[in-house]
Amino acid sequence: MKRVHLAGRRPHLARHLPAHVLLLAAVGFTFLPFFVMVLTSLKSIPQFYRNFWGLTLPICWTNYVDAWLTVRPYLLNSVLVSGASVAGVLVLSCVGAYVFARFTFPGRAALFLV
């Protein structure tokens, strides 16, 4: 069975290999801070000072509990404010859409473009 390639050309892995290596290195450097952040979050303070780069046992899950207890009131406040904003924008957008759909008035086209 003969393979059919797009545009009749055969792909050359060697030609694209440097670009792929460069992109993989960029992805590695992009995710390195997230990896270090998660690794650091699983350590206690003495473990952090003793071994910065390695994962030390026992894993300290209490950091996530402490962080949740600190962030929870602010998160609830953010959910309430953003929920009220979404509801207000939705109501005003529906009223504006109704006006644009049903009525003709001077400056309608200019306002619609804005």
PDB file of N, CA and C in Angstrom:
ATOM      1  N   MET A   1       0.846  -1.173   0.000  1.00  0.00           N
ATOM      2  CA  MET A   1       0.000   0.000   0.000  1.00  0.00           C
ATOM      3  C   MET A   1       0.892   1.237   0.000  1.00  0.00           C
ATOM      4  N   LYS A   2       0.632   2.137  -0.896  1.00  0.00           N
ATOM      5  CA  LYS A   2       1.429   3.344  -1.036  1.00  0.00           C
ATOM      6  C   LYS A   2       0.837   4.458  -0.193  1.00  0.00           C
ATOM      7  N   ARG A   3       1.698   5.186   0.535  1.00  0.00           N
ATOM      8  CA  ARG A   3       1.234   6.319   1.329  1.00  0.00           C
ATOM      9  C   ARG A   3       1.051   7.535   0.447  1.00  0.00           C
ATOM     10  N   VAL A   4      -0.022   8.253   0.720  1.00  0.00           N
ATOM     11  CA  VAL A   4      -0.275   9.481  -0.014  1.00  0.00           C
ATOM     12  C   VAL A   4      -0.053  10.637   0.938  1.00  0.00           C
ATOM     13  N   HIS A   5       0.825  11.567   0.563  1.00  0.00           N
ATOM     14  CA  HIS A   5       1.127  12.722   1.391  1.00  0.00           C
ATOM     15  C   HIS A   5       0.495  13.956   0.789  1.00  0.00           C
ATOM     16  N   LEU A   6       0.242  14.937   1.630  1.00  0.00           N
ATOM     17  CA  LEU A   6      -0.329  16.188   1.155  1.00  0.00           C
ATOM     18  C   LEU A   6       0.624  16.866   0.182  1.00  0.00           C
ATOM     19  N   ALA A   7       0.093  17.368  -0.868  1.00  0.00           N
ATOM     20  CA  ALA A   7       0.832  18.120  -1.893  1.00  0.00           C
ATOM     21  C   ALA A   7       1.911  17.273  -2.545  1.00  0.00           C
ATOM     22  N   GLY A   8       1.841  15.957  -2.423  1.00  0.00           N
ATOM     23  CA  GLY A   8       2.777  15.080  -3.101  1.00  0.00           C
ATOM     24  C   GLY A   8       4.184  15.099  -2.545  1.00  0.00           C
ATOM     25  N   ARG A   9       4.412  15.686  -1.395  1.00  0.00           N
ATOM     26  CA  ARG A   9       5.749  15.766  -0.823  1.00  0.00           C
ATOM     27  C   ARG A   9       5.879  14.800   0.335  1.00  0.00           C
ATOM     28  N   ARG A  10       7.057  14.282   0.513  1.00  0.00           N
ATOM     29  CA  ARG A  10       7.332  13.413   1.658  1.00  0.00           C
ATOM     30  C   ARG A  10       7.841  14.257   2.807  1.00  0.00           C
ATOM     31  N   PRO A  11       7.340  14.007   4.015  1.00  0.00           N
ATOM     32  CA  PRO A  11       7.839  14.785   5.158  1.00  0.00           C
ATOM     33  C   PRO A  11       9.263  14.361   5.502  1.00  0.00           C
ATOM     34  N   HIS A  12      10.087  15.309   5.869  1.00  0.00           N
ATOM     35  CA  HIS A  12      11.466  15.036   6.256  1.00  0.00           C
ATOM     36  C   HIS A  12      11.623  15.397   7.721  1.00  0.00           C
ATOM     37  N   LEU A  13      11.759  14.376   8.545  1.00  0.00           N
ATOM     38  CA  LEU A  13      11.895  14.595   9.981  1.00  0.00           C
ATOM     39  C   LEU A  13      13.181  15.353  10.304  1.00  0.00           C
ATOM     40  N   ALA A  14      14.238  15.053   9.603  1.00  0.00           N
ATOM     41  CA  ALA A  14      15.522  15.700   9.888  1.00  0.00           C
ATOM     42  C   ALA A  14      15.450  17.202   9.651  1.00  0.00           C
ATOM     43  N   ARG A  15      14.648  17.619   8.690  1.00  0.00           N
ATOM     44  CA  ARG A  15      14.547  19.044   8.398  1.00  0.00           C
ATOM     45  C   ARG A  15      13.823  19.786   9.514  1.00  0.00           C
ATOM     46  N   HIS A  16      12.839  19.145  10.159  1.00  0.00           N
ATOM     47  CA  HIS A  16      12.040  19.793  11.205  1.00  0.00           C
ATOM     48  C   HIS A  16      12.545  19.498  12.616  1.00  0.00           C
ATOM     49  N   LEU A  17      13.524  18.631  12.750  1.00  0.00           N
ATOM     50  CA  LEU A  17      14.000  18.233  14.075  1.00  0.00           C
ATOM     51  C   LEU A  17      14.530  19.407  14.900  1.00  0.00           C
ATOM     52  N   PRO A  18      15.346  20.307  14.363  1.00  0.00           N
ATOM     53  CA  PRO A  18      15.808  21.441  15.194  1.00  0.00           C
ATOM     54  C   PRO A  18      14.657  22.312  15.708  1.00  0.00           C
ATOM     55  N   ALA A  19      13.645  22.524  14.870  1.00  0.00           N
ATOM     56  CA  ALA A  19      12.502  23.328  15.318  1.00  0.00           C
ATOM     57  C   ALA A  19      11.750  22.610  16.420  1.00  0.00           C
ATOM     58  N   HIS A  20      11.591  21.295  16.302  1.00  0.00           N
ATOM     59  CA  HIS A  20      10.878  20.539  17.338  1.00  0.00           C
ATOM     60  C   HIS A  20      11.655  20.522  18.648  1.00  0.00           C
ATOM     61  N   VAL A  21      12.971  20.392  18.557  1.00  0.00           N
ATOM     62  CA  VAL A  21      13.796  20.415  19.775  1.00  0.00           C
ATOM     63  C   VAL A  21      13.698  21.783  20.443  1.00  0.00           C
ATOM     64  N   LEU A  22      13.734  22.837  19.650  1.00  0.00           N
ATOM     65  CA  LEU A  22      13.618  24.187  20.190  1.00  0.00           C
ATOM     66  C   LEU A  22      12.251  24.400  20.851  1.00  0.00           C
ATOM     67  N   LEU A  23      11.195  23.917  20.208  1.00  0.00           N
ATOM     68  CA  LEU A  23       9.857  24.063  20.787  1.00  0.00           C
ATOM     69  C   LEU A  23       9.711  23.244  22.072  1.00  0.00           C
ATOM     70  N   LEU A  24      10.274  22.040  22.102  1.00  0.00           N
ATOM     71  CA  LEU A  24      10.223  21.235  23.329  1.00  0.00           C
ATOM     72  C   LEU A  24      10.996  21.908  24.464  1.00  0.00           C
ATOM     73  N   ALA A  25      12.115  22.531  24.148  1.00  0.00           N
ATOM     74  CA  ALA A  25      12.867  23.267  25.172  1.00  0.00           C
ATOM     75  C   ALA A  25      12.057  24.454  25.680  1.00  0.00           C
ATOM     76  N   ALA A  26      11.369  25.151  24.770  1.00  0.00           N
ATOM     77  CA  ALA A  26      10.530  26.285  25.182  1.00  0.00           C
ATOM     78  C   ALA A  26       9.392  25.813  26.079  1.00  0.00           C
ATOM     79  N   VAL A  27       8.792  24.672  25.754  1.00  0.00           N
ATOM     80  CA  VAL A  27       7.723  24.124  26.594  1.00  0.00           C
ATOM     81  C   VAL A  27       8.272  23.752  27.969  1.00  0.00           C
ATOM     82  N   GLY A  28       9.461  23.163  27.998  1.00  0.00           N
ATOM     83  CA  GLY A  28      10.076  22.810  29.278  1.00  0.00           C
ATOM     84  C   GLY A  28      10.337  24.029  30.145  1.00  0.00           C
ATOM     85  N   PHE A  29      10.870  25.096  29.538  1.00  0.00           N
ATOM     86  CA  PHE A  29      11.117  26.323  30.296  1.00  0.00           C
ATOM     87  C   PHE A  29       9.820  27.000  30.709  1.00  0.00           C
ATOM     88  N   THR A  30       8.765  26.810  29.952  1.00  0.00           N
ATOM     89  CA  THR A  30       7.477  27.397  30.305  1.00  0.00           C
ATOM     90  C   THR A  30       6.875  26.708  31.521  1.00  0.00           C
ATOM     91  N   PHE A  31       6.973  25.382  31.559  1.00  0.00           N
ATOM     92  CA  PHE A  31       6.345  24.649  32.653  1.00  0.00           C
ATOM     93  C   PHE A  31       7.247  24.480  33.872  1.00  0.00           C
ATOM     94  N   LEU A  32       8.505  24.844  33.779  1.00  0.00           N
ATOM     95  CA  LEU A  32       9.415  24.714  34.916  1.00  0.00           C
ATOM     96  C   LEU A  32       8.957  25.509  36.147  1.00  0.00           C
ATOM     97  N   PRO A  33       8.512  26.764  36.017  1.00  0.00           N
ATOM     98  CA  PRO A  33       8.046  27.477  37.219  1.00  0.00           C
ATOM     99  C   PRO A  33       6.831  26.810  37.878  1.00  0.00           C
ATOM    100  N   PHE A  34       5.930  26.247  37.081  1.00  0.00           N
ATOM    101  CA  PHE A  34       4.773  25.568  37.664  1.00  0.00           C
ATOM    102  C   PHE A  34       5.203  24.294  38.400  1.00  0.00           C
ATOM    103  N   PHE A  35       6.157  23.575  37.829  1.00  0.00           N
ATOM    104  CA  PHE A  35       6.673  22.375  38.475  1.00  0.00           C
ATOM    105  C   PHE A  35       7.336  22.725  39.803  1.00  0.00           C
ATOM    106  N   VAL A  36       8.156  23.767  39.800  1.00  0.00           N
ATOM    107  CA  VAL A  36       8.834  24.189  41.033  1.00  0.00           C
ATOM    108  C   VAL A  36       7.813  24.667  42.064  1.00  0.00           C
ATOM    109  N   MET A  37       6.768  25.365  41.620  1.00  0.00           N
ATOM    110  CA  MET A  37       5.742  25.854  42.528  1.00  0.00           C
ATOM    111  C   MET A  37       5.029  24.687  43.228  1.00  0.00           C
ATOM    112  N   VAL A  38       4.629  23.676  42.444  1.00  0.00           N
ATOM    113  CA  VAL A  38       3.938  22.527  43.037  1.00  0.00           C
ATOM    114  C   VAL A  38       4.888  21.759  43.943  1.00  0.00           C
ATOM    115  N   LEU A  39       6.117  21.569  43.504  1.00  0.00           N
ATOM    116  CA  LEU A  39       7.103  20.850  44.315  1.00  0.00           C
ATOM    117  C   LEU A  39       7.359  21.564  45.639  1.00  0.00           C
ATOM    118  N   THR A  40       7.460  22.880  45.594  1.00  0.00           N
ATOM    119  CA  THR A  40       7.701  23.661  46.809  1.00  0.00           C
ATOM    120  C   THR A  40       6.481  23.665  47.722  1.00  0.00           C
ATOM    121  N   SER A  41       5.293  23.630  47.138  1.00  0.00           N
ATOM    122  CA  SER A  41       4.083  23.684  47.959  1.00  0.00           C
ATOM    123  C   SER A  41       3.862  22.409  48.759  1.00  0.00           C
ATOM    124  N   LEU A  42       4.532  21.337  48.391  1.00  0.00           N
ATOM    125  CA  LEU A  42       4.363  20.065  49.091  1.00  0.00           C
ATOM    126  C   LEU A  42       5.412  19.852  50.189  1.00  0.00           C
ATOM    127  N   LYS A  43       6.144  20.904  50.557  1.00  0.00           N
ATOM    128  CA  LYS A  43       7.188  20.785  51.571  1.00  0.00           C
ATOM    129  C   LYS A  43       6.876  21.653  52.778  1.00  0.00           C
ATOM    130  N   SER A  44       7.386  21.231  53.917  1.00  0.00           N
ATOM    131  CA  SER A  44       7.353  22.090  55.098  1.00  0.00           C
ATOM    132  C   SER A  44       8.548  23.041  55.009  1.00  0.00           C
ATOM    133  N   ILE A  45       8.610  23.997  55.906  1.00  0.00           N
ATOM    134  CA  ILE A  45       9.696  24.982  55.852  1.00  0.00           C
ATOM    135  C   ILE A  45      11.069  24.335  56.070  1.00  0.00           C
ATOM    136  N   PRO A  46      11.237  23.417  57.046  1.00  0.00           N
ATOM    137  CA  PRO A  46      12.562  22.768  57.174  1.00  0.00           C
ATOM    138  C   PRO A  46      12.932  21.930  55.951  1.00  0.00           C
ATOM    139  N   GLN A  47      11.943  21.252  55.339  1.00  0.00           N
ATOM    140  CA  GLN A  47      12.221  20.482  54.124  1.00  0.00           C
ATOM    141  C   GLN A  47      12.635  21.399  52.983  1.00  0.00           C
ATOM    142  N   PHE A  48      12.026  22.566  52.914  1.00  0.00           N
ATOM    143  CA  PHE A  48      12.354  23.529  51.872  1.00  0.00           C
ATOM    144  C   PHE A  48      13.808  23.971  51.987  1.00  0.00           C
ATOM    145  N   TYR A  49      14.259  24.260  53.193  1.00  0.00           N
ATOM    146  CA  TYR A  49      15.640  24.715  53.384  1.00  0.00           C
ATOM    147  C   TYR A  49      16.646  23.581  53.228  1.00  0.00           C
ATOM    148  N   ARG A  50      16.248  22.352  53.567  1.00  0.00           N
ATOM    149  CA  ARG A  50      17.156  21.221  53.481  1.00  0.00           C
ATOM    150  C   ARG A  50      17.370  20.758  52.044  1.00  0.00           C
ATOM    151  N   ASN A  51      16.293  20.677  51.259  1.00  0.00           N
ATOM    152  CA  ASN A  51      16.388  20.142  49.899  1.00  0.00           C
ATOM    153  C   ASN A  51      15.431  20.921  49.009  1.00  0.00           C
ATOM    154  N   PHE A  52      15.937  21.957  48.349  1.00  0.00           N
ATOM    155  CA  PHE A  52      15.072  22.833  47.552  1.00  0.00           C
ATOM    156  C   PHE A  52      14.533  22.135  46.314  1.00  0.00           C
ATOM    157  N   TRP A  53      15.365  21.431  45.563  1.00  0.00           N
ATOM    158  CA  TRP A  53      14.951  20.895  44.272  1.00  0.00           C
ATOM    159  C   TRP A  53      14.303  19.519  44.350  1.00  0.00           C
ATOM    160  N   GLY A  54      14.541  18.769  45.394  1.00  0.00           N
ATOM    161  CA  GLY A  54      14.023  17.411  45.458  1.00  0.00           C
ATOM    162  C   GLY A  54      12.700  17.330  46.204  1.00  0.00           C
ATOM    163  N   LEU A  55      11.979  16.238  45.961  1.00  0.00           N
ATOM    164  CA  LEU A  55      10.742  15.975  46.691  1.00  0.00           C
ATOM    165  C   LEU A  55      11.107  15.224  47.955  1.00  0.00           C
ATOM    166  N   THR A  56      10.787  15.787  49.092  1.00  0.00           N
ATOM    167  CA  THR A  56      11.148  15.171  50.367  1.00  0.00           C
ATOM    168  C   THR A  56       9.906  14.559  50.995  1.00  0.00           C
ATOM    169  N   LEU A  57      10.130  13.503  51.730  1.00  0.00           N
ATOM    170  CA  LEU A  57       9.032  12.812  52.406  1.00  0.00           C
ATOM    171  C   LEU A  57       9.089  13.139  53.883  1.00  0.00           C
ATOM    172  N   PRO A  58       8.015  13.235  54.569  1.00  0.00           N
ATOM    173  CA  PRO A  58       6.633  13.079  54.123  1.00  0.00           C
ATOM    174  C   PRO A  58       6.137  14.332  53.391  1.00  0.00           C
ATOM    175  N   ILE A  59       5.195  14.124  52.515  1.00  0.00           N
ATOM    176  CA  ILE A  59       4.602  15.238  51.769  1.00  0.00           C
ATOM    177  C   ILE A  59       3.712  16.028  52.715  1.00  0.00           C
ATOM    178  N   CYS A  60       3.818  17.323  52.670  1.00  0.00           N
ATOM    179  CA  CYS A  60       3.125  18.218  53.597  1.00  0.00           C
ATOM    180  C   CYS A  60       1.858  18.774  52.935  1.00  0.00           C
ATOM    181  N   TRP A  61       0.736  18.061  53.091  1.00  0.00           N
ATOM    182  CA  TRP A  61      -0.528  18.498  52.481  1.00  0.00           C
ATOM    183  C   TRP A  61      -1.184  19.624  53.265  1.00  0.00           C
ATOM    184  N   THR A  62      -0.727  19.906  54.464  1.00  0.00           N
ATOM    185  CA  THR A  62      -1.375  20.945  55.273  1.00  0.00           C
ATOM    186  C   THR A  62      -1.190  22.339  54.687  1.00  0.00           C
ATOM    187  N   ASN A  63      -0.205  22.498  53.798  1.00  0.00           N
ATOM    188  CA  ASN A  63      -0.044  23.799  53.145  1.00  0.00           C
ATOM    189  C   ASN A  63      -1.283  24.166  52.334  1.00  0.00           C
ATOM    190  N   TYR A  64      -1.896  23.170  51.695  1.00  0.00           N
ATOM    191  CA  TYR A  64      -3.097  23.433  50.905  1.00  0.00           C
ATOM    192  C   TYR A  64      -4.285  23.770  51.800  1.00  0.00           C
ATOM    193  N   VAL A  65      -4.362  23.145  52.957  1.00  0.00           N
ATOM    194  CA  VAL A  65      -5.432  23.459  53.908  1.00  0.00           C
ATOM    195  C   VAL A  65      -5.275  24.886  54.410  1.00  0.00           C
ATOM    196  N   ASP A  66      -4.060  25.260  54.770  1.00  0.00           N
ATOM    197  CA  ASP A  66      -3.804  26.627  55.238  1.00  0.00           C
ATOM    198  C   ASP A  66      -4.104  27.657  54.144  1.00  0.00           C
ATOM    199  N   ALA A  67      -3.713  27.343  52.932  1.00  0.00           N
ATOM    200  CA  ALA A  67      -3.972  28.270  51.831  1.00  0.00           C
ATOM    201  C   ALA A  67      -5.470  28.406  51.585  1.00  0.00           C
ATOM    202  N   TRP A  68      -6.211  27.293  51.641  1.00  0.00           N
ATOM    203  CA  TRP A  68      -7.657  27.355  51.423  1.00  0.00           C
ATOM    204  C   TRP A  68      -8.329  28.184  52.514  1.00  0.00           C
ATOM    205  N   LEU A  69      -7.917  28.003  53.767  1.00  0.00           N
ATOM    206  CA  LEU A  69      -8.515  28.766  54.857  1.00  0.00           C
ATOM    207  C   LEU A  69      -8.216  30.254  54.730  1.00  0.00           C
ATOM    208  N   THR A  70      -7.076  30.593  54.146  1.00  0.00           N
ATOM    209  CA  THR A  70      -6.717  31.999  53.954  1.00  0.00           C
ATOM    210  C   THR A  70      -7.486  32.617  52.792  1.00  0.00           C
ATOM    211  N   VAL A  71      -7.669  31.872  51.713  1.00  0.00           N
ATOM    212  CA  VAL A  71      -8.242  32.409  50.484  1.00  0.00           C
ATOM    213  C   VAL A  71      -9.770  32.339  50.466  1.00  0.00           C
ATOM    214  N   ARG A  72     -10.364  31.445  51.232  1.00  0.00           N
ATOM    215  CA  ARG A  72     -11.806  31.187  51.161  1.00  0.00           C
ATOM    216  C   ARG A  72     -12.685  32.434  51.292  1.00  0.00           C
ATOM    217  N   PRO A  73     -12.478  33.330  52.263  1.00  0.00           N
ATOM    218  CA  PRO A  73     -13.373  34.494  52.340  1.00  0.00           C
ATOM    219  C   PRO A  73     -13.237  35.425  51.127  1.00  0.00           C
ATOM    220  N   TYR A  74     -12.025  35.569  50.623  1.00  0.00           N
ATOM    221  CA  TYR A  74     -11.824  36.426  49.461  1.00  0.00           C
ATOM    222  C   TYR A  74     -12.411  35.797  48.210  1.00  0.00           C
ATOM    223  N   LEU A  75     -12.333  34.480  48.118  1.00  0.00           N
ATOM    224  CA  LEU A  75     -12.909  33.773  46.974  1.00  0.00           C
ATOM    225  C   LEU A  75     -14.418  33.920  46.963  1.00  0.00           C
ATOM    226  N   LEU A  76     -15.054  33.800  48.117  1.00  0.00           N
ATOM    227  CA  LEU A  76     -16.509  33.981  48.199  1.00  0.00           C
ATOM    228  C   LEU A  76     -16.892  35.398  47.791  1.00  0.00           C
ATOM    229  N   ASN A  77     -16.124  36.381  48.234  1.00  0.00           N
ATOM    230  CA  ASN A  77     -16.387  37.757  47.850  1.00  0.00           C
ATOM    231  C   ASN A  77     -16.253  37.931  46.338  1.00  0.00           C
ATOM    232  N   SER A  78     -15.236  37.349  45.731  1.00  0.00           N
ATOM    233  CA  SER A  78     -15.033  37.452  44.279  1.00  0.00           C
ATOM    234  C   SER A  78     -16.166  36.795  43.511  1.00  0.00           C
ATOM    235  N   VAL A  79     -16.637  35.650  43.992  1.00  0.00           N
ATOM    236  CA  VAL A  79     -17.754  34.970  43.323  1.00  0.00           C
ATOM    237  C   VAL A  79     -19.013  35.818  43.396  1.00  0.00           C
ATOM    238  N   LEU A  80     -19.271  36.434  44.532  1.00  0.00           N
ATOM    239  CA  LEU A  80     -20.464  37.269  44.657  1.00  0.00           C
ATOM    240  C   LEU A  80     -20.384  38.506  43.757  1.00  0.00           C
ATOM    241  N   VAL A  81     -19.250  39.180  43.745  1.00  0.00           N
ATOM    242  CA  VAL A  81     -19.105  40.380  42.919  1.00  0.00           C
ATOM    243  C   VAL A  81     -19.187  40.044  41.440  1.00  0.00           C
ATOM    244  N   SER A  82     -18.486  39.000  40.999  1.00  0.00           N
ATOM    245  CA  SER A  82     -18.524  38.646  39.585  1.00  0.00           C
ATOM    246  C   SER A  82     -19.890  38.108  39.183  1.00  0.00           C
ATOM    247  N   GLY A  83     -20.562  37.388  40.052  1.00  0.00           N
ATOM    248  CA  GLY A  83     -21.914  36.913  39.745  1.00  0.00           C
ATOM    249  C   GLY A  83     -22.892  38.065  39.590  1.00  0.00           C
ATOM    250  N   ALA A  84     -22.811  39.057  40.470  1.00  0.00           N
ATOM    251  CA  ALA A  84     -23.681  40.232  40.349  1.00  0.00           C
ATOM    252  C   ALA A  84     -23.357  41.014  39.076  1.00  0.00           C
ATOM    253  N   SER A  85     -22.090  41.103  38.715  1.00  0.00           N
ATOM    254  CA  SER A  85     -21.700  41.799  37.479  1.00  0.00           C
ATOM    255  C   SER A  85     -22.253  41.082  36.257  1.00  0.00           C
ATOM    256  N   VAL A  86     -22.143  39.779  36.226  1.00  0.00           N
ATOM    257  CA  VAL A  86     -22.661  39.010  35.094  1.00  0.00           C
ATOM    258  C   VAL A  86     -24.168  39.172  34.985  1.00  0.00           C
ATOM    259  N   ALA A  87     -24.875  39.113  36.104  1.00  0.00           N
ATOM    260  CA  ALA A  87     -26.329  39.275  36.074  1.00  0.00           C
ATOM    261  C   ALA A  87     -26.710  40.668  35.571  1.00  0.00           C
ATOM    262  N   GLY A  88     -26.025  41.699  36.035  1.00  0.00           N
ATOM    263  CA  GLY A  88     -26.318  43.059  35.587  1.00  0.00           C
ATOM    264  C   GLY A  88     -26.043  43.261  34.105  1.00  0.00           C
ATOM    265  N   VAL A  89     -24.913  42.762  33.622  1.00  0.00           N
ATOM    266  CA  VAL A  89     -24.585  42.886  32.205  1.00  0.00           C
ATOM    267  C   VAL A  89     -25.581  42.110  31.361  1.00  0.00           C
ATOM    268  N   LEU A  90     -25.996  40.948  31.815  1.00  0.00           N
ATOM    269  CA  LEU A  90     -26.960  40.145  31.072  1.00  0.00           C
ATOM    270  C   LEU A  90     -28.302  40.857  30.948  1.00  0.00           C
ATOM    271  N   VAL A  91     -28.787  41.445  32.033  1.00  0.00           N
ATOM    272  CA  VAL A  91     -30.060  42.162  31.996  1.00  0.00           C
ATOM    273  C   VAL A  91     -29.961  43.376  31.071  1.00  0.00           C
ATOM    274  N   LEU A  92     -28.908  44.182  31.222  1.00  0.00           N
ATOM    275  CA  LEU A  92     -28.770  45.370  30.383  1.00  0.00           C
ATOM    276  C   LEU A  92     -28.550  45.015  28.913  1.00  0.00           C
ATOM    277  N   SER A  93     -27.840  43.950  28.645  1.00  0.00           N
ATOM    278  CA  SER A  93     -27.623  43.529  27.263  1.00  0.00           C
ATOM    279  C   SER A  93     -28.923  43.060  26.616  1.00  0.00           C
ATOM    280  N   CYS A  94     -29.739  42.352  27.373  1.00  0.00           N
ATOM    281  CA  CYS A  94     -31.029  41.910  26.827  1.00  0.00           C
ATOM    282  C   CYS A  94     -31.934  43.102  26.514  1.00  0.00           C
ATOM    283  N   VAL A  95     -31.960  44.074  27.398  1.00  0.00           N
ATOM    284  CA  VAL A  95     -32.780  45.269  27.153  1.00  0.00           C
ATOM    285  C   VAL A  95     -32.255  46.021  25.937  1.00  0.00           C
ATOM    286  N   GLY A  96     -30.955  46.190  25.834  1.00  0.00           N
ATOM    287  CA  GLY A  96     -30.360  46.869  24.683  1.00  0.00           C
ATOM    288  C   GLY A  96     -30.603  46.113  23.389  1.00  0.00           C
ATOM    289  N   ALA A  97     -30.502  44.806  23.409  1.00  0.00           N
ATOM    290  CA  ALA A  97     -30.759  44.003  22.208  1.00  0.00           C
ATOM    291  C   ALA A  97     -32.215  44.128  21.775  1.00  0.00           C
ATOM    292  N   TYR A  98     -33.135  44.163  22.726  1.00  0.00           N
ATOM    293  CA  TYR A  98     -34.554  44.325  22.393  1.00  0.00           C
ATOM    294  C   TYR A  98     -34.805  45.672  21.730  1.00  0.00           C
ATOM    295  N   VAL A  99     -34.201  46.718  22.274  1.00  0.00           N
ATOM    296  CA  VAL A  99     -34.377  48.060  21.710  1.00  0.00           C
ATOM    297  C   VAL A  99     -33.816  48.107  20.292  1.00  0.00           C
ATOM    298  N   PHE A 100     -32.634  47.562  20.069  1.00  0.00           N
ATOM    299  CA  PHE A 100     -32.056  47.573  18.728  1.00  0.00           C
ATOM    300  C   PHE A 100     -32.857  46.724  17.749  1.00  0.00           C
ATOM    301  N   ALA A 101     -33.474  45.656  18.204  1.00  0.00           N
ATOM    302  CA  ALA A 101     -34.211  44.773  17.306  1.00  0.00           C
ATOM    303  C   ALA A 101     -35.590  45.313  16.957  1.00  0.00           C
ATOM    304  N   ARG A 102     -36.257  46.020  17.856  1.00  0.00           N
ATOM    305  CA  ARG A 102     -37.649  46.405  17.657  1.00  0.00           C
ATOM    306  C   ARG A 102     -37.883  47.858  17.264  1.00  0.00           C
ATOM    307  N   PHE A 103     -36.979  48.741  17.597  1.00  0.00           N
ATOM    308  CA  PHE A 103     -37.229  50.165  17.377  1.00  0.00           C
ATOM    309  C   PHE A 103     -36.234  50.757  16.387  1.00  0.00           C
ATOM    310  N   THR A 104     -36.722  51.758  15.661  1.00  0.00           N
ATOM    311  CA  THR A 104     -35.869  52.530  14.767  1.00  0.00           C
ATOM    312  C   THR A 104     -35.786  53.946  15.327  1.00  0.00           C
ATOM    313  N   PHE A 105     -34.576  54.454  15.494  1.00  0.00           N
ATOM    314  CA  PHE A 105     -34.392  55.781  16.064  1.00  0.00           C
ATOM    315  C   PHE A 105     -33.149  56.409  15.448  1.00  0.00           C
ATOM    316  N   PRO A 106     -33.042  57.727  15.487  1.00  0.00           N
ATOM    317  CA  PRO A 106     -31.884  58.398  14.915  1.00  0.00           C
ATOM    318  C   PRO A 106     -30.600  57.992  15.644  1.00  0.00           C
ATOM    319  N   GLY A 107     -29.572  57.679  14.873  1.00  0.00           N
ATOM    320  CA  GLY A 107     -28.293  57.279  15.450  1.00  0.00           C
ATOM    321  C   GLY A 107     -28.209  55.808  15.790  1.00  0.00           C
ATOM    322  N   ARG A 108     -29.211  55.028  15.405  1.00  0.00           N
ATOM    323  CA  ARG A 108     -29.259  53.600  15.729  1.00  0.00           C
ATOM    324  C   ARG A 108     -28.055  52.866  15.125  1.00  0.00           C
ATOM    325  N   ALA A 109     -27.739  53.135  13.860  1.00  0.00           N
ATOM    326  CA  ALA A 109     -26.638  52.456  13.187  1.00  0.00           C
ATOM    327  C   ALA A 109     -25.301  52.778  13.846  1.00  0.00           C
ATOM    328  N   ALA A 110     -25.108  54.047  14.210  1.00  0.00           N
ATOM    329  CA  ALA A 110     -23.845  54.438  14.839  1.00  0.00           C
ATOM    330  C   ALA A 110     -23.711  53.775  16.221  1.00  0.00           C
ATOM    331  N   LEU A 111     -24.796  53.764  16.986  1.00  0.00           N
ATOM    332  CA  LEU A 111     -24.751  53.110  18.307  1.00  0.00           C
ATOM    333  C   LEU A 111     -24.533  51.612  18.158  1.00  0.00           C
ATOM    334  N   PHE A 112     -25.135  51.018  17.147  1.00  0.00           N
ATOM    335  CA  PHE A 112     -24.965  49.578  16.938  1.00  0.00           C
ATOM    336  C   PHE A 112     -23.510  49.262  16.614  1.00  0.00           C
ATOM    337  N   LEU A 113     -22.854  50.119  15.828  1.00  0.00           N
ATOM    338  CA  LEU A 113     -21.450  49.906  15.527  1.00  0.00           C
ATOM    339  C   LEU A 113     -20.570  50.069  16.759  1.00  0.00           C
ATOM    340  N   VAL A 114     -20.955  50.992  17.632  1.00  0.00           N
ATOM    341  CA  VAL A 114     -20.181  51.199  18.853  1.00  0.00           C
ATOM    342  C   VAL A 114     -20.362  50.003  19.777  1.00  0.00           C
TER     343      VAL A 114
END
